[in-house]
N, C-alpha and C. Protein backbone atom coordinates (compact mmCIF):
# COMPACT_ATOMS: atom_id res chain seq x y z
N MET A 1 5.66 1.83 -3.91
CA MET A 1 6.96 2.08 -4.45
C MET A 1 7.61 0.74 -4.80
N ASP A 2 8.17 0.68 -5.98
CA ASP A 2 8.85 -0.55 -6.38
C ASP A 2 10.26 -0.21 -6.86
N ASP A 3 10.97 -1.22 -7.34
CA ASP A 3 12.34 -1.01 -7.79
C ASP A 3 12.44 -0.11 -9.02
N TYR A 4 11.32 0.15 -9.66
CA TYR A 4 11.32 0.96 -10.88
C TYR A 4 10.71 2.34 -10.67
N SER A 5 10.55 2.74 -9.42
CA SER A 5 9.98 4.05 -9.12
C SER A 5 10.88 5.15 -9.68
N LYS A 6 10.25 6.20 -10.17
CA LYS A 6 10.98 7.29 -10.80
C LYS A 6 10.85 8.56 -9.98
N HIS A 7 11.97 9.24 -9.77
CA HIS A 7 11.95 10.54 -9.10
C HIS A 7 11.61 11.62 -10.11
N ILE A 8 10.83 12.61 -9.67
CA ILE A 8 10.52 13.77 -10.49
C ILE A 8 10.84 15.03 -9.68
N ARG A 9 11.24 16.09 -10.40
CA ARG A 9 11.53 17.35 -9.71
C ARG A 9 10.19 17.95 -9.26
N PHE A 10 10.11 18.25 -7.99
CA PHE A 10 8.87 18.72 -7.40
C PHE A 10 8.90 20.23 -7.10
N TYR A 11 10.06 20.73 -6.69
CA TYR A 11 10.17 22.13 -6.32
C TYR A 11 11.63 22.56 -6.40
N THR A 12 11.85 23.81 -6.79
CA THR A 12 13.19 24.40 -6.82
C THR A 12 13.14 25.70 -6.04
N GLY A 13 14.09 25.89 -5.14
CA GLY A 13 14.12 27.10 -4.34
C GLY A 13 15.37 27.16 -3.49
N SER A 14 15.35 28.00 -2.49
CA SER A 14 16.49 28.12 -1.58
C SER A 14 16.56 26.89 -0.67
N LEU A 15 17.72 26.69 -0.08
CA LEU A 15 17.90 25.55 0.81
C LEU A 15 16.91 25.61 1.98
N ILE A 16 16.67 26.80 2.51
CA ILE A 16 15.74 26.95 3.63
C ILE A 16 14.33 26.55 3.21
N GLU A 17 13.89 27.00 2.03
CA GLU A 17 12.57 26.61 1.53
C GLU A 17 12.47 25.11 1.34
N ILE A 18 13.51 24.53 0.76
CA ILE A 18 13.52 23.09 0.50
C ILE A 18 13.43 22.31 1.81
N GLN A 19 14.20 22.73 2.80
CA GLN A 19 14.18 22.02 4.08
C GLN A 19 12.81 22.10 4.73
N ARG A 20 12.16 23.25 4.64
CA ARG A 20 10.82 23.40 5.22
C ARG A 20 9.81 22.52 4.49
N LEU A 21 9.85 22.55 3.16
CA LEU A 21 8.93 21.74 2.38
C LEU A 21 9.17 20.25 2.63
N GLN A 22 10.41 19.88 2.78
CA GLN A 22 10.74 18.48 3.07
C GLN A 22 10.14 18.05 4.41
N LEU A 23 10.16 18.91 5.40
CA LEU A 23 9.53 18.60 6.70
C LEU A 23 8.02 18.43 6.54
N ASP A 24 7.41 19.31 5.74
CA ASP A 24 5.97 19.20 5.49
C ASP A 24 5.63 17.87 4.80
N LEU A 25 6.43 17.49 3.83
CA LEU A 25 6.21 16.21 3.14
C LEU A 25 6.40 15.03 4.09
N ASP A 26 7.39 15.14 4.95
CA ASP A 26 7.63 14.08 5.94
C ASP A 26 6.42 13.85 6.83
N ASP A 27 5.71 14.93 7.16
CA ASP A 27 4.50 14.81 7.99
C ASP A 27 3.46 13.91 7.32
N TYR A 28 3.47 13.87 6.00
CA TYR A 28 2.53 13.04 5.23
C TYR A 28 3.17 11.74 4.75
N LYS A 29 4.33 11.43 5.29
CA LYS A 29 5.06 10.20 4.94
C LYS A 29 5.36 10.13 3.44
N ILE A 30 5.71 11.29 2.87
CA ILE A 30 6.09 11.36 1.46
C ILE A 30 7.61 11.54 1.41
N PRO A 31 8.34 10.52 0.96
CA PRO A 31 9.80 10.63 0.92
C PRO A 31 10.25 11.61 -0.15
N SER A 32 11.38 12.25 0.09
CA SER A 32 11.91 13.22 -0.86
C SER A 32 13.43 13.13 -0.90
N LEU A 33 13.98 13.74 -1.94
CA LEU A 33 15.42 13.72 -2.18
C LEU A 33 15.84 15.13 -2.56
N VAL A 34 16.92 15.63 -1.94
CA VAL A 34 17.42 16.98 -2.22
C VAL A 34 18.64 16.88 -3.12
N LYS A 35 18.66 17.73 -4.15
CA LYS A 35 19.82 17.84 -5.03
C LYS A 35 20.32 19.28 -4.94
N ASN A 36 21.54 19.42 -4.45
CA ASN A 36 22.13 20.74 -4.24
C ASN A 36 23.47 20.79 -4.98
N ASN A 37 23.46 21.23 -6.22
CA ASN A 37 24.68 21.26 -7.03
C ASN A 37 25.71 22.23 -6.48
N PHE A 38 25.27 23.31 -5.84
CA PHE A 38 26.19 24.28 -5.28
C PHE A 38 27.04 23.64 -4.19
N GLN A 39 26.38 23.00 -3.22
CA GLN A 39 27.12 22.35 -2.12
C GLN A 39 27.98 21.20 -2.64
N SER A 40 27.47 20.46 -3.59
CA SER A 40 28.25 19.35 -4.16
C SER A 40 29.52 19.88 -4.82
N GLY A 41 29.39 20.99 -5.54
CA GLY A 41 30.56 21.59 -6.19
C GLY A 41 31.57 22.09 -5.19
N LEU A 42 31.11 22.73 -4.14
CA LEU A 42 32.04 23.23 -3.12
C LEU A 42 32.80 22.08 -2.47
N ARG A 43 32.11 21.01 -2.18
CA ARG A 43 32.76 19.86 -1.54
C ARG A 43 33.79 19.21 -2.45
N ALA A 44 33.54 19.28 -3.75
CA ALA A 44 34.48 18.69 -4.71
C ALA A 44 35.62 19.64 -5.05
N GLY A 45 35.53 20.88 -4.59
CA GLY A 45 36.60 21.83 -4.81
C GLY A 45 36.40 22.75 -6.00
N PHE A 46 35.21 22.81 -6.51
CA PHE A 46 34.93 23.73 -7.63
C PHE A 46 33.53 24.27 -7.50
N TYR A 47 33.26 25.34 -8.24
CA TYR A 47 31.95 25.98 -8.21
C TYR A 47 31.00 25.23 -9.12
N GLY A 48 29.78 24.98 -8.63
CA GLY A 48 28.78 24.33 -9.47
C GLY A 48 27.40 24.65 -8.98
N GLY A 49 26.60 25.27 -9.80
CA GLY A 49 25.22 25.55 -9.43
C GLY A 49 25.09 26.88 -8.70
N SER A 50 23.90 27.12 -8.22
CA SER A 50 23.57 28.36 -7.53
C SER A 50 23.00 28.03 -6.16
N PRO A 51 23.37 28.80 -5.13
CA PRO A 51 22.85 28.50 -3.79
C PRO A 51 21.34 28.68 -3.67
N SER A 52 20.73 29.41 -4.60
CA SER A 52 19.29 29.63 -4.54
C SER A 52 18.52 28.66 -5.44
N GLN A 53 19.19 27.68 -6.01
CA GLN A 53 18.55 26.76 -6.93
C GLN A 53 18.71 25.30 -6.46
N VAL A 54 18.25 25.04 -5.26
CA VAL A 54 18.26 23.69 -4.72
C VAL A 54 16.99 22.99 -5.20
N GLU A 55 17.10 21.72 -5.57
CA GLU A 55 15.96 20.99 -6.12
C GLU A 55 15.48 19.91 -5.16
N LEU A 56 14.18 19.75 -5.10
CA LEU A 56 13.56 18.71 -4.28
C LEU A 56 12.83 17.75 -5.21
N PHE A 57 13.12 16.48 -5.06
CA PHE A 57 12.52 15.43 -5.88
C PHE A 57 11.65 14.54 -5.02
N ILE A 58 10.58 14.03 -5.61
CA ILE A 58 9.73 13.03 -4.96
C ILE A 58 9.50 11.90 -5.94
N TYR A 59 8.95 10.80 -5.46
CA TYR A 59 8.57 9.72 -6.36
C TYR A 59 7.36 10.14 -7.16
N GLU A 60 7.35 9.76 -8.41
CA GLU A 60 6.26 10.11 -9.32
C GLU A 60 4.90 9.68 -8.77
N GLU A 61 4.85 8.51 -8.17
CA GLU A 61 3.56 8.02 -7.68
C GLU A 61 3.05 8.77 -6.44
N ASP A 62 3.89 9.62 -5.84
CA ASP A 62 3.47 10.43 -4.69
C ASP A 62 3.00 11.82 -5.09
N LEU A 63 3.04 12.14 -6.37
CA LEU A 63 2.74 13.50 -6.83
C LEU A 63 1.36 13.98 -6.41
N GLU A 64 0.33 13.18 -6.61
CA GLU A 64 -1.03 13.63 -6.28
C GLU A 64 -1.19 13.91 -4.78
N ARG A 65 -0.56 13.09 -3.94
CA ARG A 65 -0.64 13.32 -2.49
C ARG A 65 0.17 14.54 -2.08
N ALA A 66 1.22 14.85 -2.85
CA ALA A 66 2.12 15.95 -2.49
C ALA A 66 1.63 17.31 -2.97
N LYS A 67 0.79 17.35 -3.99
CA LYS A 67 0.32 18.63 -4.54
C LYS A 67 -0.34 19.53 -3.49
N PRO A 68 -1.26 19.01 -2.66
CA PRO A 68 -1.86 19.88 -1.63
C PRO A 68 -0.84 20.41 -0.63
N VAL A 69 0.17 19.62 -0.33
CA VAL A 69 1.23 20.05 0.59
C VAL A 69 1.98 21.24 -0.02
N LEU A 70 2.28 21.15 -1.31
CA LEU A 70 2.97 22.24 -2.00
C LEU A 70 2.10 23.49 -2.07
N GLU A 71 0.83 23.34 -2.34
CA GLU A 71 -0.07 24.49 -2.41
C GLU A 71 -0.12 25.22 -1.06
N GLU A 72 -0.23 24.47 0.02
CA GLU A 72 -0.24 25.08 1.37
C GLU A 72 1.09 25.77 1.65
N PHE A 73 2.17 25.14 1.26
CA PHE A 73 3.51 25.72 1.44
C PHE A 73 3.62 27.05 0.69
N LYS A 74 3.14 27.09 -0.53
CA LYS A 74 3.20 28.32 -1.34
C LYS A 74 2.34 29.42 -0.72
N LYS A 75 1.20 29.07 -0.15
CA LYS A 75 0.36 30.06 0.52
C LYS A 75 1.11 30.70 1.68
N GLN A 76 1.82 29.86 2.43
CA GLN A 76 2.58 30.36 3.57
C GLN A 76 3.72 31.28 3.14
N LEU A 77 4.28 31.01 1.95
CA LEU A 77 5.35 31.86 1.43
C LEU A 77 4.80 33.17 0.86
N GLY A 78 3.53 33.15 0.52
CA GLY A 78 2.93 34.32 -0.08
C GLY A 78 3.04 34.35 -1.59
N ASP A 79 3.33 33.18 -2.19
CA ASP A 79 3.43 33.09 -3.67
C ASP A 79 2.07 33.03 -4.30
C-alpha cells in the first residue's frame, strides 16, 4: 500500500452483512472502509441513502486476496 492506493467498492448490503464481512477480511489482514450514506444523513439531520445499501470498500491491490473471502461469505449467506 502506498500514498496512491485506490479504494474500490467490494460489496454492498445491509449493515449486519457488511460488519460480518469486515470481520472476515480483518482475519486476513485486509483493511476495509465502510460507507453508510443513511447513517451519515441521519447524523447531519436529513435523509440520505438506504439502510440496506451500505458499501464496503477495500484497496484495489487487495482484491485478489479478498475474492475468496467474499465467495466463502456468500456461501454462508446462501447466495
